[in-house]
């Protein structure tokens, strides 16, 4: 195998000089509503390398999906990206025109939505939709586009792909529709795939198959994957790194094994403790007390402090991200030590 080649002999996607495919700095996305301004994403920093799988986790409303939509320029009024930088292969996406973003979507950056019917048109056959997607970015003939359609459907494990191409979306099961949506995302061998909770509505067996499929594709093609979810078990089994998000901010990030085994932020600890499989038989399920604050009425300083057992007066200020280990960052004035984590485990 020559230097820089992937296991299947392909060459990894291009990256910038610092080895980063995606570099987000101080990203801020707001929604100006009648009730006031909602800051859905507040100063997010994250990076992604070619072939890397990054998990973005947090409760509903934490800003995970809005972060993904912001990367692709899919924020509609009254929402807007109000600040920060999104560098993709060294190219600034914040402020890029519609034409530039349309060229990138699907070809270089693809998105898999939670509901595959957000990707699939219910009144068009599968072959029509995939062929149109192929020809939107290439000069392939209709027959060449059809061959590519069969190729990607086979890649994602769809049986009898010739027959499935003739189907309408309603004739396929939920798991099959999601596989078709993944196949469309893979059509142009994108450098980056953003997956917004793509397995939430699927049963456990199909979920495991899709997770394994995405891992294999990233490993073989060098495609980077941003996997947005609230399911820590999925992240534990597939991601290289994880970012934990709360109230629009990333409060902790690092290697997935380290963060889930020894969370440093009290919110991360609460998420791990709330997973039933992590509790001893007969013990009550641990929960994070209280409810997530309304984005219109966030408390001063750390947004998590009203629910945090470690909060002090100092937490009324906004903490900066500090390094707590190799490639580990946490945004907290009172990060949990190894002893505290062991006591709670």
C-alpha atoms as a PDB file:
ATOM      1  CA  UNK A   1       0.000   0.000   0.000  1.00  0.00           C
ATOM      2  CA  UNK A   2       1.479   3.349  -0.990  1.00  0.00           C
ATOM      3  CA  UNK A   3       1.718   6.242   1.510  1.00  0.00           C
ATOM      4  CA  UNK A   4      -1.597   8.024   1.980  1.00  0.00           C
ATOM      5  CA  UNK A   5      -3.746   5.284   0.477  1.00  0.00           C
ATOM      6  CA  UNK A   6      -6.854   3.920   2.168  1.00  0.00           C
ATOM      7  CA  UNK A   7      -7.343   0.143   2.749  1.00  0.00           C
ATOM      8  CA  UNK A   8      -9.325  -0.155  -0.509  1.00  0.00           C
ATOM      9  CA  UNK A   9      -6.585   1.537  -2.520  1.00  0.00           C
ATOM     10  CA  UNK A  10      -8.328   4.904  -2.822  1.00  0.00           C
ATOM     11  CA  UNK A  11      -6.661   8.175  -1.907  1.00  0.00           C
ATOM     12  CA  UNK A  12      -8.081  10.147   1.021  1.00  0.00           C
ATOM     13  CA  UNK A  13      -9.995  13.354   0.351  1.00  0.00           C
ATOM     14  CA  UNK A  14      -8.079  16.610   0.182  1.00  0.00           C
ATOM     15  CA  UNK A  15      -7.478  18.454   3.420  1.00  0.00           C
ATOM     16  CA  UNK A  16      -5.957  21.771   4.369  1.00  0.00           C
ATOM     17  CA  UNK A  17      -2.334  22.149   5.284  1.00  0.00           C
ATOM     18  CA  UNK A  18      -3.046  21.584   8.985  1.00  0.00           C
ATOM     19  CA  UNK A  19      -4.731  18.256   8.273  1.00  0.00           C
ATOM     20  CA  UNK A  20      -8.241  19.534   8.995  1.00  0.00           C
ATOM     21  CA  UNK A  21     -11.123  19.003   6.609  1.00  0.00           C
ATOM     22  CA  UNK A  22     -13.566  21.134   8.624  1.00  0.00           C
ATOM     23  CA  UNK A  23     -12.665  23.873  11.095  1.00  0.00           C
ATOM     24  CA  UNK A  24     -15.445  25.763  12.873  1.00  0.00           C
ATOM     25  CA  UNK A  25     -14.525  28.735  15.040  1.00  0.00           C
ATOM     26  CA  UNK A  26     -16.866  30.741  17.281  1.00  0.00           C
ATOM     27  CA  UNK A  27     -19.942  29.823  15.226  1.00  0.00           C
ATOM     28  CA  UNK A  28     -23.067  31.705  16.320  1.00  0.00           C
ATOM     29  CA  UNK A  29     -26.543  31.129  14.889  1.00  0.00           C
ATOM     30  CA  UNK A  30     -29.534  33.165  16.034  1.00  0.00           C
ATOM     31  CA  UNK A  31     -33.278  33.244  15.437  1.00  0.00           C
ATOM     32  CA  UNK A  32     -35.018  36.620  15.727  1.00  0.00           C
ATOM     33  CA  UNK A  33     -38.526  35.751  16.897  1.00  0.00           C
ATOM     34  CA  UNK A  34     -41.435  37.869  18.113  1.00  0.00           C
ATOM     35  CA  UNK A  35     -40.673  36.729  21.653  1.00  0.00           C
ATOM     36  CA  UNK A  36     -37.029  37.782  21.368  1.00  0.00           C
ATOM     37  CA  UNK A  37     -33.710  36.615  20.027  1.00  0.00           C
ATOM     38  CA  UNK A  38     -32.855  32.934  20.446  1.00  0.00           C
ATOM     39  CA  UNK A  39     -29.146  32.101  20.320  1.00  0.00           C
ATOM     40  CA  UNK A  40     -29.351  28.482  19.139  1.00  0.00           C
ATOM     41  CA  UNK A  41     -25.599  28.076  18.596  1.00  0.00           C
ATOM     42  CA  UNK A  42     -23.335  30.186  20.790  1.00  0.00           C
ATOM     43  CA  UNK A  43     -19.652  30.289  19.930  1.00  0.00           C
ATOM     44  CA  UNK A  44     -19.131  26.671  18.832  1.00  0.00           C
ATOM     45  CA  UNK A  45     -15.605  25.487  18.021  1.00  0.00           C
ATOM     46  CA  UNK A  46     -14.972  22.064  16.498  1.00  0.00           C
ATOM     47  CA  UNK A  47     -12.706  20.371  13.992  1.00  0.00           C
ATOM     48  CA  UNK A  48     -12.950  17.292  11.813  1.00  0.00           C
ATOM     49  CA  UNK A  49     -10.234  15.401   9.950  1.00  0.00           C
ATOM     50  CA  UNK A  50     -10.595  13.235   6.820  1.00  0.00           C
ATOM     51  CA  UNK A  51     -11.944   9.781   7.689  1.00  0.00           C
ATOM     52  CA  UNK A  52     -12.793  10.799  11.263  1.00  0.00           C
ATOM     53  CA  UNK A  53     -16.166  10.143  12.921  1.00  0.00           C
ATOM     54  CA  UNK A  54     -17.207  12.886  15.346  1.00  0.00           C
ATOM     55  CA  UNK A  55     -20.255  12.479  17.577  1.00  0.00           C
ATOM     56  CA  UNK A  56     -22.284  15.557  18.571  1.00  0.00           C
ATOM     57  CA  UNK A  57     -24.532  14.709  21.527  1.00  0.00           C
ATOM     58  CA  UNK A  58     -26.909  16.497  23.864  1.00  0.00           C
ATOM     59  CA  UNK A  59     -30.547  16.856  24.870  1.00  0.00           C
ATOM     60  CA  UNK A  60     -33.212  17.982  22.421  1.00  0.00           C
ATOM     61  CA  UNK A  61     -32.925  21.725  21.884  1.00  0.00           C
ATOM     62  CA  UNK A  62     -29.207  21.872  22.647  1.00  0.00           C
ATOM     63  CA  UNK A  63     -28.354  23.176  19.164  1.00  0.00           C
ATOM     64  CA  UNK A  64     -26.974  20.006  17.557  1.00  0.00           C
ATOM     65  CA  UNK A  65     -29.107  20.009  14.417  1.00  0.00           C
ATOM     66  CA  UNK A  66     -28.824  23.779  13.984  1.00  0.00           C
ATOM     67  CA  UNK A  67     -25.039  23.375  14.009  1.00  0.00           C
ATOM     68  CA  UNK A  68     -25.283  20.836  11.195  1.00  0.00           C
ATOM     69  CA  UNK A  69     -27.683  22.992   9.178  1.00  0.00           C
ATOM     70  CA  UNK A  70     -25.429  26.025   9.683  1.00  0.00           C
ATOM     71  CA  UNK A  71     -22.504  24.217   8.051  1.00  0.00           C
ATOM     72  CA  UNK A  72     -24.538  23.643   4.894  1.00  0.00           C
ATOM     73  CA  UNK A  73     -26.164  27.091   4.883  1.00  0.00           C
ATOM     74  CA  UNK A  74     -29.618  25.612   5.472  1.00  0.00           C
ATOM     75  CA  UNK A  75     -30.745  28.123   8.100  1.00  0.00           C
ATOM     76  CA  UNK A  76     -33.886  29.878   6.873  1.00  0.00           C
ATOM     77  CA  UNK A  77     -35.270  33.212   8.136  1.00  0.00           C
ATOM     78  CA  UNK A  78     -35.856  34.247  10.847  1.00  0.00           C
ATOM     79  CA  UNK A  79     -32.652  32.316  11.565  1.00  0.00           C
ATOM     80  CA  UNK A  80     -29.181  33.331  10.401  1.00  0.00           C
ATOM     81  CA  UNK A  81     -25.516  32.673  11.082  1.00  0.00           C
ATOM     82  CA  UNK A  82     -24.560  35.888  12.847  1.00  0.00           C
ATOM     83  CA  UNK A  83     -20.863  35.268  13.429  1.00  0.00           C
ATOM     84  CA  UNK A  84     -17.915  32.940  13.377  1.00  0.00           C
ATOM     85  CA  UNK A  85     -16.114  30.965  10.716  1.00  0.00           C
ATOM     86  CA  UNK A  86     -16.715  27.652   8.924  1.00  0.00           C
ATOM     87  CA  UNK A  87     -13.659  26.592   6.938  1.00  0.00           C
ATOM     88  CA  UNK A  88     -14.140  23.600   4.651  1.00  0.00           C
ATOM     89  CA  UNK A  89     -10.886  22.559   2.988  1.00  0.00           C
ATOM     90  CA  UNK A  90      -9.673  26.027   3.900  1.00  0.00           C
ATOM     91  CA  UNK A  91     -12.622  27.676   2.151  1.00  0.00           C
ATOM     92  CA  UNK A  92     -14.883  30.023   4.116  1.00  0.00           C
ATOM     93  CA  UNK A  93     -18.546  28.981   4.009  1.00  0.00           C
ATOM     94  CA  UNK A  94     -19.989  31.739   6.212  1.00  0.00           C
ATOM     95  CA  UNK A  95     -21.242  34.375   3.822  1.00  0.00           C
ATOM     96  CA  UNK A  96     -20.751  32.164   0.750  1.00  0.00           C
ATOM     97  CA  UNK A  97     -23.347  32.719  -1.961  1.00  0.00           C
ATOM     98  CA  UNK A  98     -26.212  30.383  -2.801  1.00  0.00           C
ATOM     99  CA  UNK A  99     -24.521  29.205  -6.004  1.00  0.00           C
ATOM    100  CA  UNK A 100     -21.352  28.205  -4.141  1.00  0.00           C
ATOM    101  CA  UNK A 101     -23.293  26.356  -1.454  1.00  0.00           C
ATOM    102  CA  UNK A 102     -25.467  24.525  -3.997  1.00  0.00           C
ATOM    103  CA  UNK A 103     -22.317  23.295  -5.721  1.00  0.00           C
ATOM    104  CA  UNK A 104     -20.988  21.948  -2.418  1.00  0.00           C
ATOM    105  CA  UNK A 105     -24.207  20.320  -1.202  1.00  0.00           C
ATOM    106  CA  UNK A 106     -24.451  16.719  -2.262  1.00  0.00           C
ATOM    107  CA  UNK A 107     -21.121  16.761  -4.104  1.00  0.00           C
ATOM    108  CA  UNK A 108     -18.625  17.666  -1.362  1.00  0.00           C
ATOM    109  CA  UNK A 109     -20.841  17.798   1.738  1.00  0.00           C
ATOM    110  CA  UNK A 110     -23.886  15.543   2.044  1.00  0.00           C
ATOM    111  CA  UNK A 111     -26.562  15.366   4.722  1.00  0.00           C
ATOM    112  CA  UNK A 112     -28.639  12.461   5.993  1.00  0.00           C
ATOM    113  CA  UNK A 113     -31.788  13.599   7.764  1.00  0.00           C
ATOM    114  CA  UNK A 114     -33.593  11.920  10.650  1.00  0.00           C
ATOM    115  CA  UNK A 115     -36.656  11.414   8.466  1.00  0.00           C
ATOM    116  CA  UNK A 116     -35.702   9.953   5.054  1.00  0.00           C
ATOM    117  CA  UNK A 117     -38.823  11.545   3.570  1.00  0.00           C
ATOM    118  CA  UNK A 118     -37.040  14.895   3.947  1.00  0.00           C
ATOM    119  CA  UNK A 119     -34.676  13.542   1.262  1.00  0.00           C
ATOM    120  CA  UNK A 120     -37.103  11.493  -0.844  1.00  0.00           C
ATOM    121  CA  UNK A 121     -39.919  12.900  -2.969  1.00  0.00           C
ATOM    122  CA  UNK A 122     -43.028  10.757  -2.318  1.00  0.00           C
ATOM    123  CA  UNK A 123     -44.375  11.130  -5.873  1.00  0.00           C
ATOM    124  CA  UNK A 124     -41.198  10.159  -7.759  1.00  0.00           C
ATOM    125  CA  UNK A 125     -39.721   6.700  -8.237  1.00  0.00           C
ATOM    126  CA  UNK A 126     -36.414   5.943  -6.568  1.00  0.00           C
ATOM    127  CA  UNK A 127     -34.559   5.678  -9.896  1.00  0.00           C
ATOM    128  CA  UNK A 128     -35.783   9.108 -11.003  1.00  0.00           C
ATOM    129  CA  UNK A 129     -34.606  10.715  -7.774  1.00  0.00           C
ATOM    130  CA  UNK A 130     -31.167   9.118  -7.736  1.00  0.00           C
ATOM    131  CA  UNK A 131     -30.520   9.746 -11.448  1.00  0.00           C
ATOM    132  CA  UNK A 132     -31.434  13.423 -11.010  1.00  0.00           C
ATOM    133  CA  UNK A 133     -29.080  13.651  -8.021  1.00  0.00           C
ATOM    134  CA  UNK A 134     -26.224  12.158 -10.048  1.00  0.00           C
ATOM    135  CA  UNK A 135     -26.739  14.450 -13.033  1.00  0.00           C
ATOM    136  CA  UNK A 136     -27.069  17.555 -10.859  1.00  0.00           C
ATOM    137  CA  UNK A 137     -23.288  17.553 -10.334  1.00  0.00           C
ATOM    138  CA  UNK A 138     -21.933  15.548 -13.285  1.00  0.00           C
ATOM    139  CA  UNK A 139     -22.396  15.275 -17.043  1.00  0.00           C
ATOM    140  CA  UNK A 140     -23.204  11.583 -16.822  1.00  0.00           C
ATOM    141  CA  UNK A 141     -25.660  10.145 -19.295  1.00  0.00           C
ATOM    142  CA  UNK A 142     -28.911   8.679 -18.021  1.00  0.00           C
ATOM    143  CA  UNK A 143     -27.584   5.137 -18.390  1.00  0.00           C
ATOM    144  CA  UNK A 144     -24.352   6.019 -16.566  1.00  0.00           C
ATOM    145  CA  UNK A 145     -26.374   7.644 -13.780  1.00  0.00           C
ATOM    146  CA  UNK A 146     -28.522   4.525 -13.501  1.00  0.00           C
ATOM    147  CA  UNK A 147     -25.410   2.352 -13.202  1.00  0.00           C
ATOM    148  CA  UNK A 148     -24.170   4.600 -10.408  1.00  0.00           C
ATOM    149  CA  UNK A 149     -27.563   4.307  -8.713  1.00  0.00           C
ATOM    150  CA  UNK A 150     -27.339   0.512  -8.769  1.00  0.00           C
ATOM    151  CA  UNK A 151     -23.795   0.682  -7.427  1.00  0.00           C
ATOM    152  CA  UNK A 152     -24.647   2.776  -4.361  1.00  0.00           C
ATOM    153  CA  UNK A 153     -27.812   0.809  -3.578  1.00  0.00           C
ATOM    154  CA  UNK A 154     -25.694  -2.336  -3.562  1.00  0.00           C
ATOM    155  CA  UNK A 155     -23.113  -0.627  -1.325  1.00  0.00           C
ATOM    156  CA  UNK A 156     -25.709   0.134   1.333  1.00  0.00           C
ATOM    157  CA  UNK A 157     -26.977  -3.438   1.363  1.00  0.00           C
ATOM    158  CA  UNK A 158     -30.290  -3.074  -0.444  1.00  0.00           C
ATOM    159  CA  UNK A 159     -31.369  -6.470  -1.859  1.00  0.00           C
ATOM    160  CA  UNK A 160     -32.582  -6.670  -5.472  1.00  0.00           C
ATOM    161  CA  UNK A 161     -31.550  -3.076  -6.265  1.00  0.00           C
ATOM    162  CA  UNK A 162     -32.982  -3.268  -9.799  1.00  0.00           C
ATOM    163  CA  UNK A 163     -36.444  -3.835  -8.335  1.00  0.00           C
ATOM    164  CA  UNK A 164     -36.039  -1.175  -5.639  1.00  0.00           C
ATOM    165  CA  UNK A 165     -35.202   1.441  -8.274  1.00  0.00           C
ATOM    166  CA  UNK A 166     -38.695   1.010  -9.708  1.00  0.00           C
ATOM    167  CA  UNK A 167     -40.381   1.573  -6.316  1.00  0.00           C
ATOM    168  CA  UNK A 168     -41.941   4.686  -4.865  1.00  0.00           C
ATOM    169  CA  UNK A 169     -40.796   5.641  -1.326  1.00  0.00           C
ATOM    170  CA  UNK A 170     -44.074   4.508   0.284  1.00  0.00           C
ATOM    171  CA  UNK A 171     -43.472   1.001  -1.022  1.00  0.00           C
ATOM    172  CA  UNK A 172     -40.298   0.637   1.055  1.00  0.00           C
ATOM    173  CA  UNK A 173     -39.916   0.054   4.796  1.00  0.00           C
ATOM    174  CA  UNK A 174     -38.510   2.793   7.039  1.00  0.00           C
ATOM    175  CA  UNK A 175     -35.124   1.103   7.212  1.00  0.00           C
ATOM    176  CA  UNK A 176     -35.023   0.648   3.435  1.00  0.00           C
ATOM    177  CA  UNK A 177     -35.947   4.301   2.850  1.00  0.00           C
ATOM    178  CA  UNK A 178     -33.141   5.382   5.164  1.00  0.00           C
ATOM    179  CA  UNK A 179     -30.694   3.182   3.247  1.00  0.00           C
ATOM    180  CA  UNK A 180     -31.803   4.878   0.029  1.00  0.00           C
ATOM    181  CA  UNK A 181     -31.243   8.285   1.655  1.00  0.00           C
ATOM    182  CA  UNK A 182     -27.740   7.165   2.698  1.00  0.00           C
ATOM    183  CA  UNK A 183     -27.121   5.904  -0.840  1.00  0.00           C
ATOM    184  CA  UNK A 184     -28.025   9.337  -2.244  1.00  0.00           C
ATOM    185  CA  UNK A 185     -25.629  10.946   0.227  1.00  0.00           C
ATOM    186  CA  UNK A 186     -22.852   8.651  -1.050  1.00  0.00           C
ATOM    187  CA  UNK A 187     -23.436   9.251  -4.764  1.00  0.00           C
ATOM    188  CA  UNK A 188     -20.578  11.707  -5.277  1.00  0.00           C
ATOM    189  CA  UNK A 189     -18.172  10.315  -2.671  1.00  0.00           C
ATOM    190  CA  UNK A 190     -18.455  13.459  -0.507  1.00  0.00           C
ATOM    191  CA  UNK A 191     -15.615  14.546   1.735  1.00  0.00           C
ATOM    192  CA  UNK A 192     -18.027  15.119   4.624  1.00  0.00           C
ATOM    193  CA  UNK A 193     -21.358  13.588   5.608  1.00  0.00           C
ATOM    194  CA  UNK A 194     -23.547  15.215   8.266  1.00  0.00           C
ATOM    195  CA  UNK A 195     -25.952  12.649   9.738  1.00  0.00           C
ATOM    196  CA  UNK A 196     -28.760  14.197  11.811  1.00  0.00           C
ATOM    197  CA  UNK A 197     -30.035  11.371  14.047  1.00  0.00           C
ATOM    198  CA  UNK A 198     -30.506   9.066  11.036  1.00  0.00           C
ATOM    199  CA  UNK A 199     -31.292   5.932  13.078  1.00  0.00           C
ATOM    200  CA  UNK A 200     -33.670   7.362  15.700  1.00  0.00           C
ATOM    201  CA  UNK A 201     -36.853   6.039  14.064  1.00  0.00           C
ATOM    202  CA  UNK A 202     -35.406   2.611  13.232  1.00  0.00           C
ATOM    203  CA  UNK A 203     -35.483  -0.610  15.215  1.00  0.00           C
ATOM    204  CA  UNK A 204     -32.321  -1.722  16.995  1.00  0.00           C
ATOM    205  CA  UNK A 205     -31.332  -4.351  14.419  1.00  0.00           C
ATOM    206  CA  UNK A 206     -31.568  -1.962  11.449  1.00  0.00           C
ATOM    207  CA  UNK A 207     -29.860   0.746  13.516  1.00  0.00           C
ATOM    208  CA  UNK A 208     -26.868  -1.522  14.154  1.00  0.00           C
ATOM    209  CA  UNK A 209     -26.628  -2.396  10.454  1.00  0.00           C
ATOM    210  CA  UNK A 210     -26.608   1.256   9.394  1.00  0.00           C
ATOM    211  CA  UNK A 211     -24.027   2.212  12.033  1.00  0.00           C
ATOM    212  CA  UNK A 212     -21.760  -0.606  10.842  1.00  0.00           C
ATOM    213  CA  UNK A 213     -22.306   0.456   7.233  1.00  0.00           C
ATOM    214  CA  UNK A 214     -21.307   4.075   7.939  1.00  0.00           C
ATOM    215  CA  UNK A 215     -18.207   3.010   9.869  1.00  0.00           C
ATOM    216  CA  UNK A 216     -17.082   0.820   6.990  1.00  0.00           C
ATOM    217  CA  UNK A 217     -17.687   3.505   4.376  1.00  0.00           C
ATOM    218  CA  UNK A 218     -15.727   6.106   6.348  1.00  0.00           C
ATOM    219  CA  UNK A 219     -12.868   3.669   6.888  1.00  0.00           C
ATOM    220  CA  UNK A 220     -12.682   2.631   3.230  1.00  0.00           C
ATOM    221  CA  UNK A 221     -13.297   5.964   1.476  1.00  0.00           C
ATOM    222  CA  UNK A 222     -11.782   8.496   3.885  1.00  0.00           C
ATOM    223  CA  UNK A 223     -15.100  10.353   4.194  1.00  0.00           C
ATOM    224  CA  UNK A 224     -15.477  12.292   7.445  1.00  0.00           C
ATOM    225  CA  UNK A 225     -18.724  11.883   9.394  1.00  0.00           C
ATOM    226  CA  UNK A 226     -20.442  14.266  11.806  1.00  0.00           C
ATOM    227  CA  UNK A 227     -23.000  12.086  13.609  1.00  0.00           C
ATOM    228  CA  UNK A 228     -25.640  14.087  15.501  1.00  0.00           C
ATOM    229  CA  UNK A 229     -27.530  12.104  18.125  1.00  0.00           C
ATOM    230  CA  UNK A 230     -28.788  11.883  21.700  1.00  0.00           C
ATOM    231  CA  UNK A 231     -27.937   8.181  21.896  1.00  0.00           C
ATOM    232  CA  UNK A 232     -24.666   7.705  23.781  1.00  0.00           C
ATOM    233  CA  UNK A 233     -24.628   3.972  23.041  1.00  0.00           C
ATOM    234  CA  UNK A 234     -24.432   4.628  19.300  1.00  0.00           C
ATOM    235  CA  UNK A 235     -21.604   7.140  19.769  1.00  0.00           C
ATOM    236  CA  UNK A 236     -19.713   4.769  22.053  1.00  0.00           C
ATOM    237  CA  UNK A 237     -19.740   2.090  19.382  1.00  0.00           C
ATOM    238  CA  UNK A 238     -18.802   4.148  16.325  1.00  0.00           C
ATOM    239  CA  UNK A 239     -17.196   7.569  16.960  1.00  0.00           C
ATOM    240  CA  UNK A 240     -13.557   8.549  17.348  1.00  0.00           C
ATOM    241  CA  UNK A 241     -14.275  11.779  19.234  1.00  0.00           C
ATOM    242  CA  UNK A 242     -17.344  13.278  20.878  1.00  0.00           C
ATOM    243  CA  UNK A 243     -18.569  16.811  21.550  1.00  0.00           C
ATOM    244  CA  UNK A 244     -21.187  17.263  24.282  1.00  0.00           C
ATOM    245  CA  UNK A 245     -23.511  20.210  23.644  1.00  0.00           C
ATOM    246  CA  UNK A 246     -25.751  22.112  26.051  1.00  0.00           C
ATOM    247  CA  UNK A 247     -27.737  25.298  25.429  1.00  0.00           C
ATOM    248  CA  UNK A 248     -25.911  26.060  22.202  1.00  0.00           C
ATOM    249  CA  UNK A 249     -22.384  25.534  23.544  1.00  0.00           C
ATOM    250  CA  UNK A 250     -19.977  22.612  23.440  1.00  0.00           C
ATOM    251  CA  UNK A 251     -19.291  21.967  27.116  1.00  0.00           C
ATOM    252  CA  UNK A 252     -16.926  19.025  26.701  1.00  0.00           C
ATOM    253  CA  UNK A 253     -15.041  17.312  23.905  1.00  0.00           C
ATOM    254  CA  UNK A 254     -12.414  14.631  23.546  1.00  0.00           C
ATOM    255  CA  UNK A 255     -11.796  10.999  22.572  1.00  0.00           C
ATOM    256  CA  UNK A 256     -15.086   9.143  22.899  1.00  0.00           C
ATOM    257  CA  UNK A 257     -13.717   6.417  25.190  1.00  0.00           C
ATOM    258  CA  UNK A 258     -12.212   8.952  27.604  1.00  0.00           C
ATOM    259  CA  UNK A 259     -15.247  11.248  27.736  1.00  0.00           C
ATOM    260  CA  UNK A 260     -17.791   8.470  28.281  1.00  0.00           C
ATOM    261  CA  UNK A 261     -15.623   6.547  30.752  1.00  0.00           C
ATOM    262  CA  UNK A 262     -14.596   9.594  32.783  1.00  0.00           C
ATOM    263  CA  UNK A 263     -16.755  12.671  32.026  1.00  0.00           C
ATOM    264  CA  UNK A 264     -15.265  15.932  33.286  1.00  0.00           C
ATOM    265  CA  UNK A 265     -18.321  18.188  32.904  1.00  0.00           C
ATOM    266  CA  UNK A 266     -21.247  17.622  35.320  1.00  0.00           C
ATOM    267  CA  UNK A 267     -23.667  17.657  32.381  1.00  0.00           C
ATOM    268  CA  UNK A 268     -21.699  14.961  30.561  1.00  0.00           C
ATOM    269  CA  UNK A 269     -21.670  12.962  33.798  1.00  0.00           C
ATOM    270  CA  UNK A 270     -25.428  13.339  34.052  1.00  0.00           C
ATOM    271  CA  UNK A 271     -25.955  12.098  30.494  1.00  0.00           C
ATOM    272  CA  UNK A 272     -23.796   9.030  31.125  1.00  0.00           C
ATOM    273  CA  UNK A 273     -25.532   8.310  34.450  1.00  0.00           C
ATOM    274  CA  UNK A 274     -28.979   8.516  32.833  1.00  0.00           C
ATOM    275  CA  UNK A 275     -28.267   5.566  30.517  1.00  0.00           C
ATOM    276  CA  UNK A 276     -30.111   2.565  32.070  1.00  0.00           C
ATOM    277  CA  UNK A 277     -27.332   0.115  31.140  1.00  0.00           C
ATOM    278  CA  UNK A 278     -24.888   2.077  33.327  1.00  0.00           C
ATOM    279  CA  UNK A 279     -26.900   1.570  36.529  1.00  0.00           C
ATOM    280  CA  UNK A 280     -26.626  -1.356  38.902  1.00  0.00           C
ATOM    281  CA  UNK A 281     -29.627  -3.678  39.167  1.00  0.00           C
ATOM    282  CA  UNK A 282     -32.079  -2.532  41.823  1.00  0.00           C
ATOM    283  CA  UNK A 283     -30.752   1.025  42.041  1.00  0.00           C
ATOM    284  CA  UNK A 284     -32.930   3.982  40.983  1.00  0.00           C
ATOM    285  CA  UNK A 285     -32.067   5.480  37.614  1.00  0.00           C
ATOM    286  CA  UNK A 286     -29.990   8.637  38.034  1.00  0.00           C
ATOM    287  CA  UNK A 287     -31.432  11.719  36.399  1.00  0.00           C
ATOM    288  CA  UNK A 288     -30.367  15.281  35.737  1.00  0.00           C
ATOM    289  CA  UNK A 289     -32.586  17.357  37.979  1.00  0.00           C
ATOM    290  CA  UNK A 290     -34.757  20.106  36.579  1.00  0.00           C
ATOM    291  CA  UNK A 291     -35.455  20.973  32.976  1.00  0.00           C
ATOM    292  CA  UNK A 292     -33.315  22.548  30.307  1.00  0.00           C
ATOM    293  CA  UNK A 293     -33.683  26.320  30.415  1.00  0.00           C
ATOM    294  CA  UNK A 294     -35.672  28.103  27.718  1.00  0.00           C
ATOM    295  CA  UNK A 295     -33.317  29.582  25.102  1.00  0.00           C
ATOM    296  CA  UNK A 296     -35.233  32.855  25.576  1.00  0.00           C
ATOM    297  CA  UNK A 297     -34.443  32.923  29.304  1.00  0.00           C
ATOM    298  CA  UNK A 298     -31.003  31.431  29.769  1.00  0.00           C
ATOM    299  CA  UNK A 299     -29.413  32.083  33.169  1.00  0.00           C
ATOM    300  CA  UNK A 300     -26.395  34.339  33.415  1.00  0.00           C
ATOM    301  CA  UNK A 301     -23.043  32.604  33.043  1.00  0.00           C
ATOM    302  CA  UNK A 302     -23.023  28.823  32.706  1.00  0.00           C
ATOM    303  CA  UNK A 303     -26.426  27.748  31.364  1.00  0.00           C
ATOM    304  CA  UNK A 304     -26.223  24.445  33.251  1.00  0.00           C
ATOM    305  CA  UNK A 305     -25.643  25.958  36.713  1.00  0.00           C
ATOM    306  CA  UNK A 306     -29.352  25.855  37.870  1.00  0.00           C
ATOM    307  CA  UNK A 307     -29.279  22.036  37.415  1.00  0.00           C
ATOM    308  CA  UNK A 308     -25.715  21.444  38.616  1.00  0.00           C
ATOM    309  CA  UNK A 309     -24.805  20.021  42.039  1.00  0.00           C
ATOM    310  CA  UNK A 310     -21.361  21.647  41.824  1.00  0.00           C
ATOM    311  CA  UNK A 311     -22.490  25.201  40.982  1.00  0.00           C
ATOM    312  CA  UNK A 312     -21.103  28.149  42.969  1.00  0.00           C
ATOM    313  CA  UNK A 313     -21.385  31.908  42.720  1.00  0.00           C
ATOM    314  CA  UNK A 314     -18.527  31.847  40.231  1.00  0.00           C
ATOM    315  CA  UNK A 315     -20.732  29.932  37.785  1.00  0.00           C
ATOM    316  CA  UNK A 316     -22.722  33.105  37.167  1.00  0.00           C
ATOM    317  CA  UNK A 317     -19.872  33.964  34.807  1.00  0.00           C
ATOM    318  CA  UNK A 318     -19.306  32.253  31.465  1.00  0.00           C
ATOM    319  CA  UNK A 319     -16.510  29.654  31.774  1.00  0.00           C
ATOM    320  CA  UNK A 320     -13.881  29.298  29.081  1.00  0.00           C
ATOM    321  CA  UNK A 321     -12.866  25.940  27.630  1.00  0.00           C
ATOM    322  CA  UNK A 322      -9.857  24.526  29.493  1.00  0.00           C
ATOM    323  CA  UNK A 323      -7.679  21.516  28.767  1.00  0.00           C
ATOM    324  CA  UNK A 324      -8.125  18.649  31.226  1.00  0.00           C
ATOM    325  CA  UNK A 325      -6.172  15.930  29.424  1.00  0.00           C
ATOM    326  CA  UNK A 326      -4.769  14.892  26.061  1.00  0.00           C
ATOM    327  CA  UNK A 327      -7.125  16.291  23.427  1.00  0.00           C
ATOM    328  CA  UNK A 328      -9.705  16.906  26.195  1.00  0.00           C
ATOM    329  CA  UNK A 329     -11.467  20.254  26.638  1.00  0.00           C
ATOM    330  CA  UNK A 330     -14.171  21.143  29.158  1.00  0.00           C
ATOM    331  CA  UNK A 331     -16.088  24.384  29.685  1.00  0.00           C
ATOM    332  CA  UNK A 332     -16.548  24.375  33.466  1.00  0.00           C
ATOM    333  CA  UNK A 333     -15.184  26.121  36.569  1.00  0.00           C
ATOM    334  CA  UNK A 334     -15.496  22.887  38.570  1.00  0.00           C
ATOM    335  CA  UNK A 335     -14.609  19.957  36.289  1.00  0.00           C
ATOM    336  CA  UNK A 336     -14.992  16.556  37.903  1.00  0.00           C
ATOM    337  CA  UNK A 337     -11.759  14.960  39.028  1.00  0.00           C
ATOM    338  CA  UNK A 338     -10.947  11.289  38.608  1.00  0.00           C
ATOM    339  CA  UNK A 339     -11.836  10.680  42.265  1.00  0.00           C
ATOM    340  CA  UNK A 340     -15.254  12.333  41.943  1.00  0.00           C
ATOM    341  CA  UNK A 341     -16.000  10.340  38.803  1.00  0.00           C
ATOM    342  CA  UNK A 342     -15.027   7.098  40.552  1.00  0.00           C
ATOM    343  CA  UNK A 343     -17.252   7.940  43.540  1.00  0.00           C
ATOM    344  CA  UNK A 344     -20.268   8.456  41.279  1.00  0.00           C
ATOM    345  CA  UNK A 345     -19.644   5.487  39.019  1.00  0.00           C
END
